[in-house]
N, C-alpha and C. Protein backbone atom coordinates (compact mmCIF):
# COMPACT_ATOMS: atom_id res chain seq x y z
N UNK A 1 0.87 -1.17 0.00
CA UNK A 1 -0.01 0.01 0.00
C UNK A 1 0.91 1.23 0.01
N UNK A 2 0.70 2.06 -0.96
CA UNK A 2 1.49 3.30 -1.05
C UNK A 2 0.91 4.34 -0.07
N UNK A 3 1.68 5.35 0.28
CA UNK A 3 1.15 6.42 1.12
C UNK A 3 -0.10 7.07 0.52
N UNK A 4 -0.12 7.27 -0.79
CA UNK A 4 -1.29 7.85 -1.44
C UNK A 4 -2.50 6.96 -1.27
N UNK A 5 -2.34 5.65 -1.48
CA UNK A 5 -3.46 4.72 -1.31
C UNK A 5 -3.95 4.73 0.13
N UNK A 6 -3.03 4.79 1.08
CA UNK A 6 -3.42 4.81 2.49
C UNK A 6 -4.23 6.06 2.80
N UNK A 7 -3.80 7.21 2.32
CA UNK A 7 -4.53 8.45 2.58
C UNK A 7 -5.90 8.42 1.93
N UNK A 8 -5.97 7.98 0.69
CA UNK A 8 -7.27 7.92 0.01
C UNK A 8 -8.20 6.92 0.72
N UNK A 9 -7.71 5.74 1.05
CA UNK A 9 -8.51 4.74 1.76
C UNK A 9 -8.94 5.28 3.13
N UNK A 10 -8.03 5.94 3.84
CA UNK A 10 -8.36 6.53 5.14
C UNK A 10 -9.43 7.59 5.04
N UNK A 11 -9.35 8.43 4.01
CA UNK A 11 -10.39 9.43 3.80
C UNK A 11 -11.73 8.79 3.50
N UNK A 12 -11.72 7.72 2.71
CA UNK A 12 -12.96 7.00 2.41
C UNK A 12 -13.54 6.36 3.67
N UNK A 13 -12.68 5.78 4.52
CA UNK A 13 -13.18 5.20 5.78
C UNK A 13 -13.79 6.27 6.66
N UNK A 14 -13.13 7.44 6.75
CA UNK A 14 -13.68 8.54 7.52
C UNK A 14 -15.04 8.97 6.98
N UNK A 15 -15.14 9.09 5.66
CA UNK A 15 -16.40 9.56 5.04
C UNK A 15 -17.53 8.61 5.31
N UNK A 16 -17.30 7.32 5.11
CA UNK A 16 -18.35 6.31 5.34
C UNK A 16 -18.74 6.28 6.81
N UNK A 17 -17.74 6.31 7.71
CA UNK A 17 -18.00 6.30 9.13
C UNK A 17 -18.80 7.50 9.57
N UNK A 18 -18.43 8.66 9.06
CA UNK A 18 -19.14 9.91 9.41
C UNK A 18 -20.58 9.86 8.89
N UNK A 19 -20.77 9.40 7.67
CA UNK A 19 -22.10 9.32 7.11
C UNK A 19 -22.98 8.39 7.94
N UNK A 20 -22.47 7.20 8.24
CA UNK A 20 -23.27 6.21 8.93
C UNK A 20 -23.57 6.55 10.38
N UNK A 21 -22.63 7.21 11.06
CA UNK A 21 -22.82 7.43 12.49
C UNK A 21 -23.28 8.84 12.87
N UNK A 22 -23.05 9.84 12.01
CA UNK A 22 -23.31 11.20 12.45
C UNK A 22 -24.20 12.03 11.50
N UNK A 23 -24.54 11.50 10.36
CA UNK A 23 -25.34 12.28 9.39
C UNK A 23 -26.69 11.61 9.16
N UNK A 24 -27.63 12.40 8.66
CA UNK A 24 -28.96 11.87 8.32
C UNK A 24 -28.99 11.25 6.93
N UNK A 25 -28.09 11.70 6.06
CA UNK A 25 -28.05 11.15 4.72
C UNK A 25 -29.12 11.75 3.83
N UNK A 26 -29.04 11.45 2.55
CA UNK A 26 -30.06 11.98 1.64
C UNK A 26 -31.43 11.41 1.94
N UNK A 27 -32.42 12.28 1.94
CA UNK A 27 -33.80 11.87 2.25
C UNK A 27 -33.93 11.19 3.61
N UNK A 28 -33.03 11.48 4.53
CA UNK A 28 -33.01 10.91 5.88
C UNK A 28 -32.88 9.39 5.86
N UNK A 29 -32.31 8.83 4.81
CA UNK A 29 -32.19 7.36 4.71
C UNK A 29 -31.29 6.77 5.79
N UNK A 30 -30.17 7.42 6.07
CA UNK A 30 -29.25 6.91 7.07
C UNK A 30 -29.86 7.07 8.47
N UNK A 31 -30.54 8.16 8.70
CA UNK A 31 -31.25 8.36 9.97
C UNK A 31 -32.25 7.24 10.20
N UNK A 32 -32.99 6.91 9.16
CA UNK A 32 -34.00 5.83 9.27
C UNK A 32 -33.33 4.47 9.49
N UNK A 33 -32.18 4.27 8.85
CA UNK A 33 -31.43 3.02 9.05
C UNK A 33 -30.98 2.90 10.52
N UNK A 34 -30.45 3.98 11.06
CA UNK A 34 -30.03 3.96 12.49
C UNK A 34 -31.23 3.72 13.40
N UNK A 35 -32.34 4.35 13.10
CA UNK A 35 -33.55 4.19 13.90
C UNK A 35 -34.06 2.74 13.82
N UNK A 36 -34.03 2.17 12.61
CA UNK A 36 -34.49 0.77 12.43
C UNK A 36 -33.57 -0.21 13.15
N UNK A 37 -32.29 0.16 13.28
CA UNK A 37 -31.33 -0.73 13.95
C UNK A 37 -31.61 -0.83 15.44
N UNK A 38 -32.29 0.18 15.99
CA UNK A 38 -32.73 0.11 17.38
C UNK A 38 -31.59 0.26 18.37
N UNK A 39 -31.79 -0.33 19.54
CA UNK A 39 -30.84 -0.22 20.64
C UNK A 39 -29.94 -1.45 20.75
N UNK A 40 -30.05 -2.36 19.84
CA UNK A 40 -29.23 -3.59 19.91
C UNK A 40 -27.81 -3.36 19.41
N UNK A 41 -27.16 -4.45 19.05
CA UNK A 41 -25.76 -4.41 18.62
C UNK A 41 -25.56 -3.45 17.44
N UNK A 42 -26.37 -3.60 16.42
CA UNK A 42 -26.20 -2.77 15.22
C UNK A 42 -26.55 -1.31 15.47
N UNK A 43 -27.55 -1.07 16.30
CA UNK A 43 -27.89 0.30 16.64
C UNK A 43 -26.77 1.01 17.38
N UNK A 44 -26.15 0.30 18.34
CA UNK A 44 -25.03 0.89 19.08
C UNK A 44 -23.82 1.07 18.17
N UNK A 45 -23.65 0.14 17.24
CA UNK A 45 -22.55 0.23 16.29
C UNK A 45 -22.66 1.49 15.44
N UNK A 46 -23.86 1.80 15.00
CA UNK A 46 -24.07 2.97 14.13
C UNK A 46 -24.12 4.28 14.89
N UNK A 47 -24.21 4.23 16.22
CA UNK A 47 -24.22 5.45 17.00
C UNK A 47 -22.83 5.93 17.37
N UNK A 48 -21.82 5.10 17.19
CA UNK A 48 -20.46 5.40 17.62
C UNK A 48 -19.53 5.52 16.40
N UNK A 49 -18.98 6.70 16.19
CA UNK A 49 -18.09 6.90 15.06
C UNK A 49 -16.91 5.94 15.11
N UNK A 50 -16.32 5.77 16.29
CA UNK A 50 -15.11 4.96 16.42
C UNK A 50 -15.40 3.48 16.15
N UNK A 51 -16.55 3.00 16.57
CA UNK A 51 -16.95 1.62 16.27
C UNK A 51 -17.20 1.46 14.78
N UNK A 52 -17.92 2.40 14.22
CA UNK A 52 -18.25 2.32 12.79
C UNK A 52 -17.00 2.38 11.94
N UNK A 53 -15.98 3.14 12.38
CA UNK A 53 -14.75 3.26 11.56
C UNK A 53 -14.02 1.93 11.44
N UNK A 54 -14.08 1.10 12.47
CA UNK A 54 -13.44 -0.22 12.36
C UNK A 54 -14.14 -1.06 11.28
N UNK A 55 -15.47 -1.07 11.32
CA UNK A 55 -16.19 -1.87 10.33
C UNK A 55 -16.07 -1.28 8.93
N UNK A 56 -15.98 0.04 8.83
CA UNK A 56 -15.80 0.67 7.52
C UNK A 56 -14.42 0.39 6.95
N UNK A 57 -13.45 0.11 7.82
CA UNK A 57 -12.08 -0.15 7.37
C UNK A 57 -11.85 -1.61 6.97
N UNK A 58 -12.80 -2.48 7.23
CA UNK A 58 -12.63 -3.91 6.95
C UNK A 58 -12.44 -4.16 5.45
N UNK A 59 -13.28 -3.59 4.60
CA UNK A 59 -13.19 -3.85 3.16
C UNK A 59 -11.87 -3.38 2.55
N UNK A 60 -11.46 -2.12 2.79
CA UNK A 60 -10.16 -1.72 2.25
C UNK A 60 -9.01 -2.47 2.89
N UNK A 61 -9.13 -2.80 4.18
CA UNK A 61 -8.08 -3.59 4.82
C UNK A 61 -7.92 -4.96 4.16
N UNK A 62 -9.03 -5.58 3.86
CA UNK A 62 -9.02 -6.88 3.18
C UNK A 62 -8.43 -6.77 1.78
N UNK A 63 -8.82 -5.72 1.06
CA UNK A 63 -8.34 -5.52 -0.29
C UNK A 63 -6.82 -5.35 -0.30
N UNK A 64 -6.29 -4.50 0.56
CA UNK A 64 -4.86 -4.22 0.52
C UNK A 64 -4.02 -5.33 1.13
N UNK A 65 -4.62 -6.14 2.01
CA UNK A 65 -3.86 -7.24 2.63
C UNK A 65 -3.61 -8.37 1.67
N UNK A 66 -4.44 -8.51 0.65
CA UNK A 66 -4.27 -9.57 -0.38
C UNK A 66 -4.08 -10.95 0.23
N UNK A 67 -4.94 -11.29 1.17
CA UNK A 67 -4.93 -12.64 1.72
C UNK A 67 -4.02 -12.87 2.92
N UNK A 68 -3.22 -11.90 3.29
CA UNK A 68 -2.34 -12.02 4.46
C UNK A 68 -3.13 -11.58 5.71
N UNK A 69 -3.43 -12.55 6.59
CA UNK A 69 -4.27 -12.26 7.75
C UNK A 69 -3.71 -11.21 8.69
N UNK A 70 -2.40 -11.28 8.94
CA UNK A 70 -1.79 -10.30 9.83
C UNK A 70 -1.88 -8.90 9.23
N UNK A 71 -1.60 -8.77 7.96
CA UNK A 71 -1.66 -7.46 7.31
C UNK A 71 -3.08 -6.96 7.22
N UNK A 72 -4.06 -7.88 7.09
CA UNK A 72 -5.47 -7.46 7.11
C UNK A 72 -5.82 -6.78 8.41
N UNK A 73 -5.42 -7.38 9.54
CA UNK A 73 -5.70 -6.76 10.85
C UNK A 73 -4.96 -5.45 10.97
N UNK A 74 -3.70 -5.41 10.56
CA UNK A 74 -2.89 -4.22 10.66
C UNK A 74 -3.46 -3.08 9.83
N UNK A 75 -3.80 -3.36 8.58
CA UNK A 75 -4.36 -2.33 7.68
C UNK A 75 -5.72 -1.83 8.20
N UNK A 76 -6.55 -2.75 8.66
CA UNK A 76 -7.86 -2.38 9.17
C UNK A 76 -7.73 -1.43 10.37
N UNK A 77 -6.87 -1.78 11.30
CA UNK A 77 -6.68 -0.92 12.49
C UNK A 77 -6.03 0.40 12.11
N UNK A 78 -5.08 0.38 11.18
CA UNK A 78 -4.41 1.62 10.77
C UNK A 78 -5.37 2.56 10.08
N UNK A 79 -6.21 2.03 9.19
CA UNK A 79 -7.17 2.89 8.49
C UNK A 79 -8.21 3.43 9.45
N UNK A 80 -8.67 2.62 10.38
CA UNK A 80 -9.61 3.08 11.38
C UNK A 80 -8.97 4.16 12.24
N UNK A 81 -7.73 3.94 12.63
CA UNK A 81 -7.01 4.94 13.44
C UNK A 81 -6.84 6.26 12.70
N UNK A 82 -6.53 6.17 11.41
CA UNK A 82 -6.42 7.39 10.59
C UNK A 82 -7.74 8.14 10.53
N UNK A 83 -8.83 7.39 10.37
CA UNK A 83 -10.15 8.01 10.35
C UNK A 83 -10.47 8.66 11.70
N UNK A 84 -10.06 8.03 12.80
CA UNK A 84 -10.30 8.60 14.13
C UNK A 84 -9.50 9.88 14.33
N UNK A 85 -8.26 9.91 13.81
CA UNK A 85 -7.47 11.12 13.89
C UNK A 85 -8.14 12.24 13.08
N UNK A 86 -8.61 11.92 11.88
CA UNK A 86 -9.34 12.92 11.08
C UNK A 86 -10.56 13.43 11.82
N UNK A 87 -11.26 12.52 12.50
CA UNK A 87 -12.46 12.91 13.23
C UNK A 87 -12.11 13.88 14.37
N UNK A 88 -10.98 13.67 15.01
CA UNK A 88 -10.56 14.59 16.08
C UNK A 88 -10.27 15.99 15.53
N UNK A 89 -9.73 16.06 14.32
CA UNK A 89 -9.50 17.38 13.70
C UNK A 89 -10.84 18.00 13.26
N UNK A 90 -11.77 17.16 12.82
CA UNK A 90 -13.05 17.66 12.37
C UNK A 90 -13.94 18.09 13.52
N UNK A 91 -13.89 17.34 14.60
CA UNK A 91 -14.75 17.57 15.76
C UNK A 91 -13.94 17.31 17.01
N UNK A 92 -13.10 18.23 17.45
CA UNK A 92 -12.12 17.97 18.51
C UNK A 92 -12.70 17.59 19.86
N UNK A 93 -13.95 17.88 20.14
CA UNK A 93 -14.52 17.57 21.44
C UNK A 93 -15.41 16.35 21.38
N UNK A 94 -15.22 15.44 20.42
CA UNK A 94 -16.15 14.33 20.24
C UNK A 94 -15.90 13.17 21.19
N UNK A 95 -14.81 13.16 21.94
CA UNK A 95 -14.57 12.04 22.85
C UNK A 95 -15.38 12.14 24.07
């Protein structure tokens, strides 16, 4: 993974995480999705940016790891961490 690919993938993880956990989305679709998820596991997952960022990083982590399990975990955590750092710059009091 090149530095450019890491930055682009990290920005994408941030965008998806922000959309799913903090925005209403077009026509309030994401809001309705969070409401339908309720108070269970998926509802709590969608209410937390940091939790959502891990799940949003799974697909690019898998793609860049190319079948290496250790690198999959490493890339997933690194991309999620990058998204969390971006979130702190975007909303510094979110913790």
